[in-house]
Amino acid sequence: MFRMFSFLPPIGCYVLAIAVAVGTYSFQSSLDTGEGNLQSQVTLVGGILAFLLVFAGFQKSIEQKGEAQKPRVSSAEVMQKLTPTESGTPDPDLDIPPQSLTGPADDSPLGRVRARSETMEV
């Protein structure tokens, strides 16, 4: 049954469950037989069907929340992008330290703040 209604969003399952419950109630009230056994059987079948539809909607909503929280990129893909070369040969661009490691330029705002903090410590 879950595969049959898997195309529905969770709210669609809830609406269908309400429709089944209302349809069961109206069908039960239209029965003119005095047999209470038949009416209780109709109520039982309709209630079980409505419960299963509500459960399917709830399960679908949990699955959608789980898919939304799953990362789009796997950790193996990230590590593959982070490795410099697959062949194991050194990359000369990675061996040279970047120029920014020497510190900020003296005329930059960060350089002026650093110069002021050095003069205050003395």
Protein backbone atom coordinates (compact mmCIF):
# COMPACT_ATOMS: atom_id res chain seq x y z
CA MET A 1 0.00 0.00 0.00
CA PHE A 2 2.89 2.36 0.70
CA ARG A 3 4.15 1.99 -2.87
CA MET A 4 0.70 2.65 -4.24
CA PHE A 5 0.50 6.09 -2.62
CA SER A 6 4.20 6.95 -2.62
CA PHE A 7 3.70 9.70 -5.18
CA LEU A 8 1.57 11.69 -2.73
CA PRO A 9 3.15 14.29 -0.47
CA PRO A 10 2.50 13.82 3.26
CA ILE A 11 -0.41 16.26 3.28
CA GLY A 12 -2.00 14.29 0.43
CA CYS A 13 -1.93 11.12 2.54
CA TYR A 14 -3.56 12.99 5.43
CA VAL A 15 -6.30 14.37 3.19
CA LEU A 16 -6.92 10.94 1.70
CA ALA A 17 -7.14 9.45 5.21
CA ILE A 18 -9.76 12.04 6.17
CA ALA A 19 -11.69 11.27 2.99
CA VAL A 20 -11.61 7.54 3.80
CA ALA A 21 -12.82 8.21 7.35
CA VAL A 22 -15.68 10.41 6.13
CA GLY A 23 -16.57 7.92 3.41
CA THR A 24 -16.58 5.08 5.92
CA TYR A 25 -18.84 7.02 8.25
CA SER A 26 -21.27 7.92 5.49
CA PHE A 27 -21.30 4.33 4.17
CA GLN A 28 -21.89 2.99 7.66
CA SER A 29 -24.76 5.41 8.29
CA SER A 30 -26.37 4.47 4.97
CA LEU A 31 -26.55 0.79 5.90
CA ASP A 32 -30.13 -0.01 6.84
CA THR A 33 -29.45 -3.44 8.21
CA GLY A 34 -29.97 -3.96 11.88
CA GLU A 35 -26.85 -6.02 12.10
CA GLY A 36 -24.32 -4.35 14.36
CA ASN A 37 -21.67 -6.82 13.27
CA LEU A 38 -21.64 -5.55 9.66
CA GLN A 39 -21.48 -1.93 10.75
CA SER A 40 -18.61 -2.62 13.12
CA GLN A 41 -16.73 -4.47 10.37
CA VAL A 42 -17.14 -1.53 8.00
CA THR A 43 -15.92 0.83 10.73
CA LEU A 44 -12.95 -1.41 11.49
CA VAL A 45 -11.86 -1.68 7.84
CA GLY A 46 -12.26 2.06 7.23
CA GLY A 47 -10.41 2.90 10.44
CA ILE A 48 -7.51 0.62 9.60
CA LEU A 49 -7.25 2.05 6.09
CA ALA A 50 -7.32 5.62 7.40
CA PHE A 51 -4.70 4.78 10.04
CA LEU A 52 -2.40 3.24 7.43
CA LEU A 53 -2.72 6.34 5.25
CA VAL A 54 -1.89 8.62 8.17
CA PHE A 55 1.08 6.43 9.04
CA ALA A 56 2.27 6.52 5.41
CA GLY A 57 2.07 10.33 5.41
CA PHE A 58 3.98 10.54 8.68
CA GLN A 59 6.68 8.18 7.43
CA LYS A 60 6.97 10.14 4.17
CA SER A 61 7.44 13.40 6.10
CA ILE A 62 10.19 11.83 8.23
CA GLU A 63 11.94 10.58 5.07
CA GLN A 64 11.77 14.04 3.50
CA LYS A 65 13.27 15.64 6.63
CA GLY A 66 16.07 13.06 6.62
CA GLU A 67 16.85 13.73 2.97
CA ALA A 68 16.96 17.47 3.62
CA GLN A 69 19.52 17.01 6.38
CA LYS A 70 21.77 14.68 4.40
CA PRO A 71 24.84 16.41 2.96
CA ARG A 72 24.88 16.92 -0.78
CA VAL A 73 28.56 16.06 -1.08
CA SER A 74 30.10 12.95 0.41
CA SER A 75 33.27 13.08 2.47
CA ALA A 76 35.09 10.96 -0.13
CA GLU A 77 34.42 13.62 -2.78
CA VAL A 78 35.69 16.34 -0.48
CA MET A 79 38.89 14.45 0.28
CA GLN A 80 39.42 13.81 -3.42
CA LYS A 81 39.20 17.55 -4.09
CA LEU A 82 41.60 18.35 -1.25
CA THR A 83 44.39 16.02 -2.34
CA PRO A 84 46.91 17.94 -4.47
CA THR A 85 47.75 15.19 -6.94
CA GLU A 86 46.71 11.62 -7.49
CA SER A 87 50.09 10.48 -8.84
CA GLY A 88 52.04 11.37 -5.72
CA THR A 89 54.33 13.87 -7.46
CA PRO A 90 54.90 17.04 -5.45
CA ASP A 91 53.19 20.19 -6.57
CA PRO A 92 55.63 23.14 -6.54
CA ASP A 93 52.82 25.66 -6.12
CA LEU A 94 51.91 24.10 -2.80
CA ASP A 95 55.50 24.04 -1.51
CA ILE A 96 56.01 27.82 -1.80
CA PRO A 97 54.54 29.69 1.17
CA PRO A 98 52.08 32.41 0.20
CA GLN A 99 53.09 36.03 0.55
CA SER A 100 50.41 36.70 3.15
CA LEU A 101 52.31 34.67 5.76
CA THR A 102 54.88 37.47 6.16
CA GLY A 103 52.23 39.76 7.61
CA PRO A 104 50.16 42.67 6.43
CA ALA A 105 51.63 45.62 4.59
CA ASP A 106 52.63 48.54 6.77
CA ASP A 107 50.23 50.94 5.09
CA SER A 108 47.18 48.61 5.39
CA PRO A 109 44.68 49.06 8.24
CA LEU A 110 45.76 45.80 9.87
CA GLY A 111 49.41 46.79 9.61
CA ARG A 112 48.69 50.15 11.33
CA VAL A 113 46.77 48.40 14.12
CA ARG A 114 49.60 45.92 14.61
CA ALA A 115 52.17 48.76 14.68
CA ARG A 116 50.13 50.64 17.31
CA SER A 117 49.77 47.52 19.45
CA GLU A 118 53.54 46.90 19.30
CA THR A 119 54.31 50.45 20.43
CA MET A 120 51.87 50.17 23.33
CA GLU A 121 53.51 47.01 24.67
CA VAL A 122 56.93 48.68 25.03
